[in-house]
C-alpha cells in the first residue's frame, strides 16, 4: 500500500510557504518552528543506512510542550503529575511507525506525534474499531494539514486501515 503523493518544494518556495504558514498557525505554539517539520528522507531498499531516522525524542518533547501536557483528544482528561511536575502524557504516532515503508518521507515527525492521556492511548491501541474511530478521526482532523506540510499524504480511510 503506497498512500503517498510526492511533492517537491524548491528551497525558496519552501521558505516562503512555511513563513506564510507561520502566521496562520502561530497561535498553536509561539515557539514552534516550521522548518522542523520539513520532509525527512528515509531509508529505502539498497540505500545508505544514514538516511534512516530513529525515533525522535526531540519531536516527542516538542509535541508534549505544544499540547501543554494535555490529552489532544480531550484536554479535560486528567492523569497525574510526573516527577518534573508536568501532567503525565503519552506520545503516539498517528500513522504507526511500522508503516514507514508506505511513505517516501519520515513519519517520525512532529506532525505525526499526538499526545494522549493513558486511557485514550490504550483506546487507540486496544479498543474495538467503533470505539476508537471517533478518537482517530478527531486527531486526524487536527493533524492532517501538518502532515501534508511534512510531505506525508494520507486520507482518513487509509489511516483507519492501519488500525484494523
N, C-alpha and C. Protein backbone atom coordinates (compact mmCIF):
# COMPACT_ATOMS: atom_id res chain seq x y z
N UNK A 1 0.85 -1.18 0.00
CA UNK A 1 0.00 0.00 0.00
C UNK A 1 0.89 1.23 0.00
N UNK A 2 0.77 2.07 -0.98
CA UNK A 2 1.52 3.32 -1.03
C UNK A 2 0.52 4.46 -1.14
N UNK A 3 0.32 5.19 -0.05
CA UNK A 3 -0.67 6.24 0.00
C UNK A 3 -0.09 7.60 -0.32
N UNK A 4 1.21 7.66 -0.54
CA UNK A 4 1.89 8.94 -0.68
C UNK A 4 1.77 9.49 -2.08
N UNK A 5 1.46 10.76 -2.16
CA UNK A 5 1.58 11.53 -3.39
C UNK A 5 2.75 12.45 -3.14
N UNK A 6 3.83 12.29 -3.90
CA UNK A 6 5.03 13.07 -3.61
C UNK A 6 4.86 14.51 -4.06
N UNK A 7 5.55 15.41 -3.38
CA UNK A 7 5.50 16.84 -3.66
C UNK A 7 6.90 17.39 -3.46
N UNK A 8 7.42 18.09 -4.44
CA UNK A 8 8.74 18.70 -4.33
C UNK A 8 8.56 20.20 -4.18
N UNK A 9 9.21 20.78 -3.19
CA UNK A 9 9.16 22.22 -2.96
C UNK A 9 10.57 22.75 -3.07
N UNK A 10 10.82 23.65 -4.02
CA UNK A 10 12.15 24.24 -4.16
C UNK A 10 12.48 25.04 -2.90
N UNK A 11 13.76 25.21 -2.63
CA UNK A 11 14.20 25.85 -1.39
C UNK A 11 13.55 27.21 -1.15
N UNK A 12 13.54 28.09 -2.16
CA UNK A 12 12.96 29.42 -1.99
C UNK A 12 11.46 29.34 -1.76
N UNK A 13 10.77 28.50 -2.53
CA UNK A 13 9.33 28.32 -2.35
C UNK A 13 9.05 27.75 -0.97
N UNK A 14 9.91 26.84 -0.54
CA UNK A 14 9.76 26.20 0.77
C UNK A 14 9.77 27.25 1.88
N UNK A 15 10.75 28.16 1.85
CA UNK A 15 10.84 29.19 2.89
C UNK A 15 9.63 30.11 2.85
N UNK A 16 9.23 30.55 1.67
CA UNK A 16 8.05 31.43 1.56
C UNK A 16 6.79 30.72 2.02
N UNK A 17 6.65 29.47 1.66
CA UNK A 17 5.48 28.68 2.03
C UNK A 17 5.34 28.58 3.55
N UNK A 18 6.43 28.18 4.22
CA UNK A 18 6.36 28.00 5.66
C UNK A 18 6.30 29.32 6.42
N UNK A 19 6.91 30.37 5.89
CA UNK A 19 6.78 31.68 6.53
C UNK A 19 5.33 32.13 6.52
N UNK A 20 4.61 31.87 5.44
CA UNK A 20 3.20 32.21 5.37
C UNK A 20 2.37 31.38 6.33
N UNK A 21 2.72 30.12 6.47
CA UNK A 21 2.00 29.24 7.40
C UNK A 21 2.23 29.64 8.85
N UNK A 22 3.40 30.22 9.12
CA UNK A 22 3.70 30.59 10.50
C UNK A 22 2.62 31.51 11.05
N UNK A 23 2.24 32.51 10.27
CA UNK A 23 1.20 33.44 10.73
C UNK A 23 -0.11 32.72 10.99
N UNK A 24 -0.45 31.78 10.12
CA UNK A 24 -1.71 31.05 10.25
C UNK A 24 -1.74 30.17 11.49
N UNK A 25 -0.62 29.53 11.83
CA UNK A 25 -0.59 28.56 12.93
C UNK A 25 0.15 29.04 14.17
N UNK A 26 0.60 30.28 14.20
CA UNK A 26 1.46 30.72 15.30
C UNK A 26 0.77 30.65 16.64
N UNK A 27 -0.55 30.71 16.67
CA UNK A 27 -1.24 30.61 17.95
C UNK A 27 -1.15 29.19 18.52
N UNK A 28 -0.77 28.21 17.70
CA UNK A 28 -0.68 26.83 18.16
C UNK A 28 0.44 26.67 19.18
N UNK A 29 1.56 27.32 18.92
CA UNK A 29 2.69 27.31 19.86
C UNK A 29 3.63 28.43 19.45
N UNK A 30 3.82 29.39 20.32
CA UNK A 30 4.65 30.54 19.99
C UNK A 30 6.10 30.15 19.69
N UNK A 31 6.56 29.01 20.18
CA UNK A 31 7.94 28.59 19.96
C UNK A 31 8.10 27.61 18.81
N UNK A 32 7.01 27.30 18.12
CA UNK A 32 7.04 26.31 17.06
C UNK A 32 7.75 26.86 15.84
N UNK A 33 8.67 26.08 15.27
CA UNK A 33 9.40 26.50 14.08
C UNK A 33 9.07 25.53 12.96
N UNK A 34 8.50 26.06 11.88
CA UNK A 34 8.04 25.20 10.80
C UNK A 34 9.15 24.49 10.07
N UNK A 35 10.37 25.01 10.11
CA UNK A 35 11.44 24.33 9.40
C UNK A 35 11.72 22.96 10.00
N UNK A 36 11.23 22.71 11.20
CA UNK A 36 11.48 21.43 11.83
C UNK A 36 10.46 20.37 11.45
N UNK A 37 9.45 20.72 10.64
CA UNK A 37 8.53 19.69 10.17
C UNK A 37 8.72 19.43 8.69
N UNK A 38 9.83 19.88 8.14
CA UNK A 38 10.08 19.66 6.73
C UNK A 38 10.22 18.17 6.45
N UNK A 39 9.92 17.74 5.23
CA UNK A 39 10.03 16.32 4.90
C UNK A 39 11.43 15.79 5.20
N UNK A 40 11.47 14.61 5.79
CA UNK A 40 12.73 13.96 6.14
C UNK A 40 12.84 12.69 5.31
N UNK A 41 14.01 12.50 4.67
CA UNK A 41 14.21 11.29 3.88
C UNK A 41 14.31 10.08 4.79
N UNK A 42 13.91 8.93 4.26
CA UNK A 42 14.02 7.67 4.99
C UNK A 42 14.74 6.66 4.12
N UNK A 43 15.23 5.62 4.78
CA UNK A 43 15.97 4.58 4.07
C UNK A 43 15.03 3.76 3.19
N UNK A 44 15.45 3.50 2.00
CA UNK A 44 14.75 2.64 1.05
C UNK A 44 15.67 1.45 0.75
N UNK A 45 15.14 0.32 0.31
CA UNK A 45 15.99 -0.84 -0.01
C UNK A 45 17.13 -0.44 -0.94
N UNK A 46 18.35 -0.85 -0.58
CA UNK A 46 19.52 -0.57 -1.39
C UNK A 46 20.14 0.79 -1.15
N UNK A 47 19.57 1.61 -0.25
CA UNK A 47 20.12 2.94 0.02
C UNK A 47 20.98 2.90 1.28
N UNK A 48 21.71 3.95 1.47
CA UNK A 48 22.58 4.09 2.63
C UNK A 48 21.77 4.11 3.93
N UNK A 49 22.26 3.43 4.94
CA UNK A 49 21.58 3.42 6.24
C UNK A 49 21.58 4.79 6.89
N UNK A 50 22.43 5.72 6.40
CA UNK A 50 22.50 7.04 7.03
C UNK A 50 21.22 7.84 6.82
N UNK A 51 20.38 7.43 5.88
CA UNK A 51 19.12 8.13 5.65
C UNK A 51 18.01 7.67 6.60
N UNK A 52 18.23 6.57 7.29
CA UNK A 52 17.20 6.04 8.19
C UNK A 52 17.13 6.89 9.46
N UNK A 53 15.89 7.24 9.88
CA UNK A 53 15.72 8.03 11.08
C UNK A 53 15.27 7.15 12.24
N UNK A 54 15.78 7.46 13.42
CA UNK A 54 15.34 6.78 14.62
C UNK A 54 14.20 7.58 15.23
N UNK A 55 13.55 7.04 16.24
CA UNK A 55 12.51 7.78 16.95
C UNK A 55 13.12 9.04 17.53
N UNK A 56 12.44 10.14 17.35
CA UNK A 56 12.99 11.42 17.76
C UNK A 56 12.46 11.87 19.12
N UNK A 57 13.34 11.84 20.13
CA UNK A 57 12.95 12.34 21.45
C UNK A 57 12.66 13.83 21.39
N UNK A 58 13.40 14.55 20.55
CA UNK A 58 13.18 15.98 20.40
C UNK A 58 11.77 16.27 19.91
N UNK A 59 11.31 15.51 18.93
CA UNK A 59 9.96 15.72 18.39
C UNK A 59 8.90 15.35 19.45
N UNK A 60 9.16 14.29 20.20
CA UNK A 60 8.21 13.90 21.25
C UNK A 60 8.11 14.99 22.32
N UNK A 61 9.24 15.53 22.74
CA UNK A 61 9.21 16.57 23.76
C UNK A 61 8.52 17.83 23.24
N UNK A 62 8.76 18.18 21.99
CA UNK A 62 8.08 19.34 21.39
C UNK A 62 6.57 19.11 21.37
N UNK A 63 6.15 17.89 21.02
CA UNK A 63 4.73 17.57 20.98
C UNK A 63 4.11 17.71 22.38
N UNK A 64 4.82 17.24 23.39
CA UNK A 64 4.30 17.34 24.76
C UNK A 64 4.16 18.80 25.18
N UNK A 65 5.19 19.60 24.93
CA UNK A 65 5.11 21.03 25.27
C UNK A 65 3.99 21.72 24.49
N UNK A 66 3.90 21.38 23.23
CA UNK A 66 2.91 22.01 22.36
C UNK A 66 1.49 21.70 22.80
N UNK A 67 1.28 20.52 23.37
CA UNK A 67 -0.05 20.14 23.85
C UNK A 67 -0.30 20.65 25.27
N UNK A 68 0.68 21.36 25.82
CA UNK A 68 0.61 21.83 27.22
C UNK A 68 0.43 20.65 28.18
N UNK A 69 1.02 19.52 27.80
CA UNK A 69 0.95 18.30 28.61
C UNK A 69 -0.49 17.89 28.87
N UNK A 70 -1.32 18.04 27.84
CA UNK A 70 -2.73 17.66 27.94
C UNK A 70 -3.08 16.71 26.81
N UNK A 71 -4.11 15.93 27.04
CA UNK A 71 -4.60 14.98 26.05
C UNK A 71 -5.14 15.77 24.85
N UNK A 72 -4.66 15.44 23.65
CA UNK A 72 -5.12 16.15 22.46
C UNK A 72 -6.51 15.73 22.03
N UNK A 73 -6.97 14.59 22.50
CA UNK A 73 -8.35 14.20 22.19
C UNK A 73 -9.30 15.00 23.06
N UNK A 74 -9.00 15.08 24.34
CA UNK A 74 -9.83 15.85 25.26
C UNK A 74 -8.92 16.45 26.34
N UNK A 75 -8.63 17.75 26.25
CA UNK A 75 -7.73 18.40 27.21
C UNK A 75 -8.22 18.34 28.66
N UNK A 76 -9.48 18.01 28.87
CA UNK A 76 -10.00 17.90 30.23
C UNK A 76 -9.65 16.57 30.90
N UNK A 77 -9.13 15.62 30.14
CA UNK A 77 -8.71 14.35 30.73
C UNK A 77 -7.51 14.60 31.63
N UNK A 78 -7.63 14.25 32.88
CA UNK A 78 -6.54 14.45 33.84
C UNK A 78 -5.88 13.12 34.16
N UNK A 79 -4.60 13.18 34.41
CA UNK A 79 -3.89 11.97 34.82
C UNK A 79 -3.25 12.23 36.16
N UNK A 80 -1.95 12.33 36.21
CA UNK A 80 -1.20 12.59 37.43
C UNK A 80 0.03 13.38 37.04
N UNK A 81 0.71 13.92 38.02
CA UNK A 81 1.93 14.69 37.74
C UNK A 81 3.13 13.76 37.70
N UNK A 82 4.00 14.00 36.72
CA UNK A 82 5.23 13.22 36.66
C UNK A 82 6.27 13.83 37.61
N UNK A 83 7.47 13.29 37.62
CA UNK A 83 8.50 13.77 38.55
C UNK A 83 8.91 15.21 38.31
N UNK A 84 8.73 15.70 37.08
CA UNK A 84 9.05 17.09 36.75
C UNK A 84 7.92 18.04 37.15
N UNK A 85 6.78 17.48 37.55
CA UNK A 85 5.64 18.30 37.91
C UNK A 85 4.70 18.58 36.75
N UNK A 86 4.94 17.93 35.61
CA UNK A 86 4.07 18.08 34.45
C UNK A 86 3.00 17.00 34.47
N UNK A 87 1.86 17.30 33.85
CA UNK A 87 0.82 16.31 33.69
C UNK A 87 1.39 15.13 32.89
N UNK A 88 1.18 13.92 33.34
CA UNK A 88 1.69 12.75 32.62
C UNK A 88 0.90 12.57 31.34
N UNK A 89 1.62 12.47 30.24
CA UNK A 89 1.01 12.36 28.91
C UNK A 89 1.88 11.40 28.10
N UNK A 90 1.26 10.68 27.17
CA UNK A 90 1.99 9.74 26.34
C UNK A 90 1.93 10.17 24.88
N UNK A 91 3.03 9.93 24.17
CA UNK A 91 3.08 10.28 22.75
C UNK A 91 2.70 9.06 21.92
N UNK A 92 2.00 9.35 20.82
CA UNK A 92 1.54 8.30 19.93
C UNK A 92 1.73 8.76 18.49
N UNK A 93 2.28 7.90 17.64
CA UNK A 93 2.40 8.22 16.22
C UNK A 93 1.06 7.91 15.57
N UNK A 94 0.39 8.94 15.08
CA UNK A 94 -0.93 8.77 14.48
C UNK A 94 -0.85 7.77 13.32
N UNK A 95 0.13 7.93 12.46
CA UNK A 95 0.43 6.90 11.45
C UNK A 95 1.50 6.03 12.09
N UNK A 96 1.18 4.79 12.42
CA UNK A 96 2.15 3.94 13.12
C UNK A 96 3.47 3.81 12.37
N UNK A 97 4.58 3.92 13.12
CA UNK A 97 5.90 3.84 12.51
C UNK A 97 6.15 2.53 11.77
N UNK A 98 5.43 1.50 12.13
CA UNK A 98 5.60 0.21 11.43
C UNK A 98 5.20 0.31 9.96
N UNK A 99 4.55 1.40 9.57
CA UNK A 99 4.12 1.58 8.19
C UNK A 99 5.00 2.57 7.42
N UNK A 100 6.18 2.85 7.95
CA UNK A 100 7.08 3.82 7.33
C UNK A 100 7.35 3.49 5.86
N UNK A 101 7.45 2.22 5.52
CA UNK A 101 7.78 1.85 4.14
C UNK A 101 6.72 2.29 3.13
N UNK A 102 5.54 2.67 3.58
CA UNK A 102 4.49 3.15 2.68
C UNK A 102 4.69 4.62 2.30
N UNK A 103 5.68 5.27 2.89
CA UNK A 103 5.87 6.70 2.71
C UNK A 103 7.29 7.01 2.26
N UNK A 104 7.41 8.04 1.43
CA UNK A 104 8.72 8.47 0.96
C UNK A 104 9.44 9.35 1.97
N UNK A 105 8.69 10.00 2.84
CA UNK A 105 9.28 10.87 3.86
C UNK A 105 9.04 10.28 5.24
N UNK A 106 9.89 10.66 6.17
CA UNK A 106 9.78 10.15 7.53
C UNK A 106 8.42 10.49 8.12
N UNK A 107 7.87 9.52 8.85
CA UNK A 107 6.64 9.79 9.59
C UNK A 107 6.94 9.95 11.09
N UNK A 108 8.22 9.93 11.44
CA UNK A 108 8.62 10.22 12.82
C UNK A 108 8.90 11.72 12.92
N UNK A 109 7.84 12.50 12.73
CA UNK A 109 7.93 13.95 12.72
C UNK A 109 6.87 14.51 13.67
N UNK A 110 7.09 15.74 14.10
CA UNK A 110 6.16 16.42 15.00
C UNK A 110 4.71 16.31 14.51
N UNK A 111 4.51 16.48 13.23
CA UNK A 111 3.16 16.46 12.67
C UNK A 111 2.43 15.15 12.92
N UNK A 112 3.17 14.07 13.08
CA UNK A 112 2.57 12.75 13.24
C UNK A 112 2.54 12.30 14.70
N UNK A 113 3.00 13.12 15.61
CA UNK A 113 3.04 12.73 17.02
C UNK A 113 1.95 13.46 17.78
N UNK A 114 1.04 12.70 18.34
CA UNK A 114 -0.04 13.28 19.14
C UNK A 114 0.16 12.87 20.59
N UNK A 115 -0.32 13.71 21.50
CA UNK A 115 -0.21 13.43 22.93
C UNK A 115 -1.56 13.01 23.46
N UNK A 116 -1.54 11.93 24.22
CA UNK A 116 -2.78 11.35 24.73
C UNK A 116 -2.64 11.01 26.20
N UNK A 117 -3.75 11.10 26.92
CA UNK A 117 -3.76 10.60 28.29
C UNK A 117 -3.62 9.07 28.20
N UNK A 118 -3.23 8.40 29.27
CA UNK A 118 -3.04 6.95 29.20
C UNK A 118 -4.29 6.18 28.75
N UNK A 119 -5.47 6.63 29.16
CA UNK A 119 -6.69 5.93 28.76
C UNK A 119 -6.91 6.04 27.25
N UNK A 120 -6.82 7.25 26.70
CA UNK A 120 -7.00 7.42 25.25
C UNK A 120 -5.93 6.67 24.47
N UNK A 121 -4.71 6.63 25.02
CA UNK A 121 -3.64 5.89 24.35
C UNK A 121 -3.98 4.40 24.30
N UNK A 122 -4.53 3.86 25.38
CA UNK A 122 -4.92 2.44 25.38
C UNK A 122 -6.10 2.21 24.44
N UNK A 123 -7.03 3.15 24.40
CA UNK A 123 -8.17 3.02 23.49
C UNK A 123 -7.69 2.93 22.05
N UNK A 124 -6.79 3.83 21.66
CA UNK A 124 -6.35 3.86 20.26
C UNK A 124 -5.62 2.57 19.87
N UNK A 125 -4.98 1.91 20.86
CA UNK A 125 -4.27 0.66 20.57
C UNK A 125 -5.13 -0.59 20.72
N UNK A 126 -6.07 -0.58 21.66
CA UNK A 126 -6.70 -1.85 22.03
C UNK A 126 -8.22 -1.89 21.92
N UNK A 127 -8.90 -0.79 21.72
CA UNK A 127 -10.36 -0.80 21.69
C UNK A 127 -10.89 -1.31 20.35
N UNK A 128 -12.15 -1.69 20.35
CA UNK A 128 -12.82 -2.07 19.11
C UNK A 128 -12.86 -0.86 18.19
N UNK A 129 -12.88 -1.09 16.88
CA UNK A 129 -12.83 -0.01 15.91
C UNK A 129 -13.96 1.01 16.13
N UNK A 130 -15.15 0.55 16.46
CA UNK A 130 -16.26 1.51 16.63
C UNK A 130 -15.99 2.44 17.81
N UNK A 131 -15.19 2.01 18.77
CA UNK A 131 -14.85 2.84 19.92
C UNK A 131 -13.74 3.83 19.57
N UNK A 132 -12.72 3.37 18.86
CA UNK A 132 -11.58 4.23 18.60
C UNK A 132 -11.70 5.09 17.34
N UNK A 133 -12.66 4.81 16.49
CA UNK A 133 -12.77 5.53 15.21
C UNK A 133 -12.94 7.04 15.42
N UNK A 134 -13.80 7.45 16.34
CA UNK A 134 -14.01 8.89 16.58
C UNK A 134 -12.76 9.55 17.13
N UNK A 135 -12.05 8.86 17.99
CA UNK A 135 -10.80 9.39 18.53
C UNK A 135 -9.79 9.61 17.40
N UNK A 136 -9.63 8.62 16.55
CA UNK A 136 -8.69 8.72 15.42
C UNK A 136 -9.12 9.85 14.48
N UNK A 137 -10.41 9.96 14.22
CA UNK A 137 -10.92 11.00 13.31
C UNK A 137 -10.60 12.39 13.85
N UNK A 138 -10.84 12.62 15.13
CA UNK A 138 -10.57 13.93 15.71
C UNK A 138 -9.07 14.26 15.64
N UNK A 139 -8.23 13.31 15.95
CA UNK A 139 -6.78 13.53 15.89
C UNK A 139 -6.33 13.76 14.45
N UNK A 140 -6.89 13.01 13.52
CA UNK A 140 -6.54 13.18 12.11
C UNK A 140 -6.92 14.57 11.62
N UNK A 141 -8.11 15.03 11.96
CA UNK A 141 -8.56 16.36 11.53
C UNK A 141 -7.64 17.45 12.08
N UNK A 142 -7.15 17.27 13.30
CA UNK A 142 -6.25 18.26 13.90
C UNK A 142 -4.87 18.24 13.23
N UNK A 143 -4.45 17.10 12.70
CA UNK A 143 -3.08 16.95 12.22
C UNK A 143 -2.92 16.85 10.70
N UNK A 144 -3.99 16.69 9.95
CA UNK A 144 -3.83 16.40 8.51
C UNK A 144 -3.08 17.49 7.76
N UNK A 145 -3.28 18.76 8.10
CA UNK A 145 -2.55 19.83 7.41
C UNK A 145 -1.07 19.82 7.80
N UNK A 146 -0.78 19.57 9.06
CA UNK A 146 0.62 19.46 9.49
C UNK A 146 1.31 18.29 8.79
N UNK A 147 0.59 17.16 8.66
CA UNK A 147 1.16 16.01 7.96
C UNK A 147 1.47 16.37 6.51
N UNK A 148 0.54 17.03 5.86
CA UNK A 148 0.75 17.44 4.46
C UNK A 148 1.98 18.34 4.37
N UNK A 149 2.10 19.27 5.29
CA UNK A 149 3.24 20.19 5.29
C UNK A 149 4.57 19.46 5.47
N UNK A 150 4.52 18.30 6.13
CA UNK A 150 5.72 17.50 6.34
C UNK A 150 5.96 16.52 5.19
N UNK A 151 5.13 16.60 4.14
CA UNK A 151 5.30 15.73 2.98
C UNK A 151 4.65 14.38 3.13
N UNK A 152 3.75 14.24 4.12
CA UNK A 152 3.07 12.97 4.37
C UNK A 152 1.60 13.13 3.99
N UNK A 153 1.19 12.36 2.99
CA UNK A 153 -0.18 12.46 2.48
C UNK A 153 -0.92 11.16 2.75
N UNK A 154 -2.03 11.28 3.46
CA UNK A 154 -2.86 10.12 3.76
C UNK A 154 -4.28 10.62 4.01
N UNK A 155 -5.26 9.89 3.52
CA UNK A 155 -6.63 10.28 3.83
C UNK A 155 -7.12 9.45 5.02
N UNK A 156 -8.26 9.85 5.56
CA UNK A 156 -8.74 9.23 6.79
C UNK A 156 -9.01 7.74 6.62
N UNK A 157 -9.64 7.35 5.53
CA UNK A 157 -9.96 5.93 5.32
C UNK A 157 -8.70 5.08 5.25
N UNK A 158 -7.66 5.59 4.60
CA UNK A 158 -6.40 4.86 4.53
C UNK A 158 -5.74 4.78 5.91
N UNK A 159 -5.83 5.85 6.68
CA UNK A 159 -5.28 5.83 8.04
C UNK A 159 -5.97 4.76 8.88
N UNK A 160 -7.29 4.66 8.77
CA UNK A 160 -8.03 3.66 9.55
C UNK A 160 -7.56 2.24 9.26
N UNK A 161 -7.13 1.99 8.04
CA UNK A 161 -6.67 0.63 7.69
C UNK A 161 -5.49 0.20 8.55
N UNK A 162 -4.69 1.16 9.01
CA UNK A 162 -3.55 0.84 9.86
C UNK A 162 -3.99 0.42 11.27
N UNK A 163 -5.21 0.69 11.63
CA UNK A 163 -5.69 0.38 12.98
C UNK A 163 -6.57 -0.85 13.03
N UNK A 164 -6.74 -1.54 11.92
CA UNK A 164 -7.60 -2.73 11.91
C UNK A 164 -6.83 -3.97 12.28
